């Protein structure tokens, strides 16, 4: 890592993941509802004025602060493979502070992959790793008879607002992950869009079990029962220490 501030310019707006997820939301009826995936993608696009936006990366990052040591240790001991990332600021309210890049997760018997995920805060990564092992992989083996091979996501960090509001999404600070499906070692692919309502009895049970498990580990969990905007994914935000809503 180079010392000092490293500044680079990105034309057309802040750094955004190509696969946009949902935002941090309040319970239905008490705040702006989310729009469809297509509408969300449109809202994540570049600003109308094409002007350079400054992205500043600092040498300080996860591991350089004493309070981060426990999180890094827990994450490593859980079997998650990751790389600590430098802190960065993309725009007002958009930052990646104390984040890691996950490359693999660990179950009881083997490791498995995770697709499309970007930077995520360490404490959220820790909750995600524990959920993947104790909630998802074990449920896959017990209910579906096959170990997990991969968790599919729609991304994590994205510099944007909650759709229909002027409030930054939890994704803007890398505090959320959107999960869309699961691939098993026997080749089966279980998705929220295709199997929450229409899957086999075992597949529907599996998805509800992993949803309930997520509610024990994340602060906010939103899924198909919340609203139409979440029909195709679980929004997993924060950690259980800041529990706010699960639906």
Protein backbone atom coordinates (compact mmCIF):
# COMPACT_ATOMS: atom_id res chain seq x y z
CA UNK A 1 0.00 0.00 0.00
CA UNK A 2 1.42 3.40 -0.88
CA UNK A 3 1.65 6.01 1.85
CA UNK A 4 -0.14 9.33 1.61
CA UNK A 5 -3.31 10.16 -0.24
CA UNK A 6 -3.75 8.55 -3.62
CA UNK A 7 -6.23 10.46 -5.75
CA UNK A 8 -7.83 9.33 -8.96
CA UNK A 9 -10.65 10.68 -11.07
CA UNK A 10 -13.61 8.72 -12.40
CA UNK A 11 -15.66 10.40 -15.16
CA UNK A 12 -19.40 10.28 -14.98
CA UNK A 13 -20.00 9.76 -11.29
CA UNK A 14 -19.03 7.70 -8.29
CA UNK A 15 -17.81 4.12 -8.37
CA UNK A 16 -20.81 1.83 -8.59
CA UNK A 17 -21.13 -1.92 -8.90
CA UNK A 18 -22.64 -3.04 -12.16
CA UNK A 19 -25.08 -5.22 -10.29
CA UNK A 20 -27.07 -2.87 -8.08
CA UNK A 21 -28.88 -4.14 -5.01
CA UNK A 22 -31.55 -2.73 -2.82
CA UNK A 23 -31.20 -0.04 -0.16
CA UNK A 24 -31.50 0.11 3.56
CA UNK A 25 -35.22 0.38 4.24
CA UNK A 26 -37.65 1.06 7.04
CA UNK A 27 -40.71 -1.19 7.56
CA UNK A 28 -43.28 -1.07 4.78
CA UNK A 29 -45.67 1.85 5.06
CA UNK A 30 -43.32 4.07 7.05
CA UNK A 31 -40.97 5.20 4.29
CA UNK A 32 -40.43 5.28 0.51
CA UNK A 33 -40.95 1.93 -1.18
CA UNK A 34 -38.30 0.49 -3.43
CA UNK A 35 -38.79 0.22 -7.15
CA UNK A 36 -38.17 -2.67 -9.51
CA UNK A 37 -34.67 -3.89 -10.39
CA UNK A 38 -34.88 -2.17 -13.78
CA UNK A 39 -35.90 1.12 -12.17
CA UNK A 40 -33.19 0.74 -9.54
CA UNK A 41 -30.58 0.18 -12.22
CA UNK A 42 -31.69 3.34 -14.03
CA UNK A 43 -31.44 5.36 -10.82
CA UNK A 44 -27.88 4.17 -10.24
CA UNK A 45 -26.75 5.64 -13.57
CA UNK A 46 -24.37 8.53 -14.09
CA UNK A 47 -25.43 12.06 -13.07
CA UNK A 48 -26.87 14.36 -15.72
CA UNK A 49 -23.82 16.62 -15.63
CA UNK A 50 -20.73 14.78 -16.84
CA UNK A 51 -18.10 16.14 -14.50
CA UNK A 52 -15.21 14.37 -12.80
CA UNK A 53 -15.87 13.18 -9.26
CA UNK A 54 -13.01 12.78 -6.88
CA UNK A 55 -12.27 9.43 -5.27
CA UNK A 56 -9.76 9.56 -2.46
CA UNK A 57 -8.10 6.42 -1.14
CA UNK A 58 -6.24 6.62 2.13
CA UNK A 59 -3.47 4.33 3.37
CA UNK A 60 -5.51 3.75 6.49
CA UNK A 61 -7.73 0.71 6.25
CA UNK A 62 -8.91 -2.39 8.00
CA UNK A 63 -6.22 -3.59 10.36
CA UNK A 64 -4.60 -0.19 10.88
CA UNK A 65 -7.08 0.62 13.66
CA UNK A 66 -6.80 -1.29 16.95
CA UNK A 67 -10.56 -1.89 17.13
CA UNK A 68 -10.44 -3.77 13.81
CA UNK A 69 -8.14 -6.50 15.09
CA UNK A 70 -10.91 -8.55 16.75
CA UNK A 71 -13.05 -8.49 13.60
CA UNK A 72 -10.16 -9.58 11.39
CA UNK A 73 -9.33 -12.38 13.80
CA UNK A 74 -12.92 -13.61 13.96
CA UNK A 75 -13.26 -13.47 10.19
CA UNK A 76 -10.06 -15.41 9.65
CA UNK A 77 -10.93 -18.05 12.23
CA UNK A 78 -14.34 -18.58 10.62
CA UNK A 79 -12.61 -19.87 7.49
CA UNK A 80 -13.55 -16.93 5.26
CA UNK A 81 -10.92 -16.10 2.64
CA UNK A 82 -10.60 -12.34 2.23
CA UNK A 83 -8.34 -9.37 1.62
CA UNK A 84 -8.42 -6.21 3.74
CA UNK A 85 -8.99 -3.09 1.61
CA UNK A 86 -7.83 0.52 2.03
CA UNK A 87 -10.39 3.11 3.08
CA UNK A 88 -11.88 5.21 0.30
CA UNK A 89 -14.34 8.09 -0.11
CA UNK A 90 -16.21 8.34 -3.41
CA UNK A 91 -18.80 11.06 -2.74
CA UNK A 92 -20.72 12.60 0.18
CA UNK A 93 -22.20 9.68 2.11
CA UNK A 94 -20.40 7.11 -0.05
CA UNK A 95 -17.42 5.42 1.51
CA UNK A 96 -15.71 2.10 2.05
CA UNK A 97 -14.30 2.20 5.57
CA UNK A 98 -12.97 -0.93 7.26
CA UNK A 99 -13.94 -3.19 4.36
CA UNK A 100 -12.77 -6.54 3.03
CA UNK A 101 -13.06 -8.35 -0.29
CA UNK A 102 -14.36 -11.91 0.21
CA UNK A 103 -13.06 -14.57 -2.17
CA UNK A 104 -14.42 -17.75 -0.54
CA UNK A 105 -16.57 -18.93 2.35
CA UNK A 106 -16.29 -22.00 4.54
CA UNK A 107 -18.74 -24.70 5.52
CA UNK A 108 -18.31 -27.53 8.01
CA UNK A 109 -16.73 -29.82 5.41
CA UNK A 110 -15.55 -27.68 2.51
CA UNK A 111 -15.15 -24.19 1.13
CA UNK A 112 -17.50 -22.67 -1.42
CA UNK A 113 -17.65 -19.60 -3.61
CA UNK A 114 -19.55 -16.33 -3.61
CA UNK A 115 -20.27 -14.48 -6.85
CA UNK A 116 -20.52 -10.76 -7.71
CA UNK A 117 -19.71 -9.52 -4.21
CA UNK A 118 -17.71 -6.33 -3.79
CA UNK A 119 -16.27 -4.55 -0.74
CA UNK A 120 -18.18 -5.14 2.49
CA UNK A 121 -17.60 -3.95 6.03
CA UNK A 122 -15.76 -6.49 8.18
CA UNK A 123 -18.55 -6.96 10.74
CA UNK A 124 -21.07 -7.59 7.94
CA UNK A 125 -18.63 -9.99 6.28
CA UNK A 126 -18.33 -11.84 9.60
CA UNK A 127 -22.11 -12.17 9.91
CA UNK A 128 -22.27 -13.29 6.28
CA UNK A 129 -19.61 -15.96 6.81
CA UNK A 130 -21.37 -17.36 9.88
CA UNK A 131 -24.72 -17.34 8.09
CA UNK A 132 -23.23 -19.12 5.07
CA UNK A 133 -21.76 -21.86 7.25
CA UNK A 134 -24.33 -22.42 9.98
CA UNK A 135 -27.46 -21.25 8.20
CA UNK A 136 -27.04 -21.99 4.49
CA UNK A 137 -24.60 -24.87 4.05
CA UNK A 138 -26.07 -26.94 6.89
CA UNK A 139 -29.62 -26.32 5.65
CA UNK A 140 -28.61 -27.33 2.12
CA UNK A 141 -27.18 -30.63 3.34
CA UNK A 142 -29.99 -31.41 5.76
CA UNK A 143 -32.98 -30.32 3.65
CA UNK A 144 -31.76 -30.70 0.06
CA UNK A 145 -29.23 -33.48 0.56
CA UNK A 146 -26.28 -31.67 -1.04
CA UNK A 147 -23.53 -29.35 0.22
CA UNK A 148 -23.43 -25.76 -0.95
CA UNK A 149 -21.14 -24.88 -3.88
CA UNK A 150 -21.77 -21.14 -4.31
CA UNK A 151 -23.85 -18.23 -3.01
CA UNK A 152 -24.96 -15.85 -5.76
CA UNK A 153 -25.25 -12.15 -4.96
CA UNK A 154 -26.29 -8.95 -6.72
CA UNK A 155 -23.44 -7.08 -5.08
CA UNK A 156 -22.64 -5.16 -1.92
CA UNK A 157 -21.12 -1.67 -2.25
CA UNK A 158 -22.95 0.83 -4.50
CA UNK A 159 -22.80 4.62 -4.17
CA UNK A 160 -26.47 5.58 -4.36
CA UNK A 161 -29.60 6.58 -2.49
CA UNK A 162 -32.51 4.41 -1.45
CA UNK A 163 -34.83 4.41 -4.44
CA UNK A 164 -37.37 7.20 -4.19
CA UNK A 165 -35.61 9.05 -1.37
CA UNK A 166 -32.73 11.42 -0.67
CA UNK A 167 -31.26 9.10 1.96
CA UNK A 168 -28.15 7.09 1.25
CA UNK A 169 -28.59 3.32 0.93
CA UNK A 170 -26.72 1.02 3.32
CA UNK A 171 -24.97 -0.17 0.17
CA UNK A 172 -23.33 3.27 -0.10
CA UNK A 173 -21.21 2.44 2.96
CA UNK A 174 -20.70 -1.26 2.12
CA UNK A 175 -23.00 -2.34 4.96
CA UNK A 176 -25.31 -4.59 2.93
CA UNK A 177 -25.26 -7.63 0.64
CA UNK A 178 -28.03 -8.71 -1.74
CA UNK A 179 -28.31 -12.50 -2.14
CA UNK A 180 -30.25 -13.87 -5.11
CA UNK A 181 -29.59 -17.61 -5.14
CA UNK A 182 -27.66 -20.71 -4.13
CA UNK A 183 -25.88 -23.36 -6.21
CA UNK A 184 -25.45 -26.86 -4.75
CA UNK A 185 -22.63 -29.32 -5.39
CA UNK A 186 -25.06 -31.65 -7.17
CA UNK A 187 -25.71 -28.89 -9.75
CA UNK A 188 -29.08 -27.64 -8.55
CA UNK A 189 -29.60 -23.86 -8.50
CA UNK A 190 -32.10 -22.45 -6.01
CA UNK A 191 -33.17 -18.84 -6.62
CA UNK A 192 -35.44 -16.42 -4.81
CA UNK A 193 -37.18 -15.38 -8.02
CA UNK A 194 -37.90 -18.93 -9.18
CA UNK A 195 -38.27 -21.01 -6.04
CA UNK A 196 -39.60 -18.91 -3.15
CA UNK A 197 -43.16 -19.53 -4.33
CA UNK A 198 -42.79 -22.09 -7.14
CA UNK A 199 -40.01 -24.42 -6.01
CA UNK A 200 -40.46 -27.90 -4.61
CA UNK A 201 -41.56 -28.28 -1.00
CA UNK A 202 -37.94 -28.92 0.03
CA UNK A 203 -36.66 -25.90 -1.91
CA UNK A 204 -39.28 -23.60 -0.39
CA UNK A 205 -38.45 -24.92 3.08
CA UNK A 206 -34.73 -24.37 2.47
CA UNK A 207 -35.23 -20.73 1.45
CA UNK A 208 -37.39 -19.99 4.49
CA UNK A 209 -34.92 -21.66 6.84
CA UNK A 210 -32.00 -19.62 5.51
CA UNK A 211 -34.12 -16.45 5.70
CA UNK A 212 -34.92 -17.16 9.36
CA UNK A 213 -31.24 -17.86 10.02
CA UNK A 214 -30.27 -14.53 8.44
CA UNK A 215 -32.66 -12.73 10.79
CA UNK A 216 -30.58 -13.99 13.72
CA UNK A 217 -27.33 -12.58 12.35
CA UNK A 218 -28.09 -9.35 10.50
CA UNK A 219 -29.67 -6.10 11.66
CA UNK A 220 -32.06 -5.78 8.72
CA UNK A 221 -33.24 -8.63 6.50
CA UNK A 222 -35.70 -8.03 3.66
CA UNK A 223 -37.04 -10.70 1.32
CA UNK A 224 -39.97 -11.65 -0.92
CA UNK A 225 -42.51 -11.24 1.89
CA UNK A 226 -41.49 -7.58 2.37
CA UNK A 227 -42.43 -6.13 -1.02
CA UNK A 228 -42.23 -6.75 -4.76
CA UNK A 229 -38.84 -5.04 -5.00
CA UNK A 230 -37.38 -7.90 -2.95
CA UNK A 231 -39.08 -10.76 -4.79
CA UNK A 232 -35.73 -11.85 -6.25
CA UNK A 233 -33.28 -11.39 -3.38
CA UNK A 234 -32.54 -11.16 0.33
CA UNK A 235 -31.23 -7.79 1.49
CA UNK A 236 -28.81 -8.50 4.36
CA UNK A 237 -27.72 -5.40 6.25
CA UNK A 238 -25.63 -4.66 9.31
CA UNK A 239 -25.17 -7.06 12.20
CA UNK A 240 -27.45 -8.40 14.92
CA UNK A 241 -25.96 -5.84 17.33
CA UNK A 242 -27.99 -3.19 15.46
CA UNK A 243 -31.14 -5.17 14.79
CA UNK A 244 -33.96 -3.11 13.34
CA UNK A 245 -36.22 -5.12 11.03
CA UNK A 246 -36.70 -8.60 9.56
CA UNK A 247 -39.35 -9.50 7.01
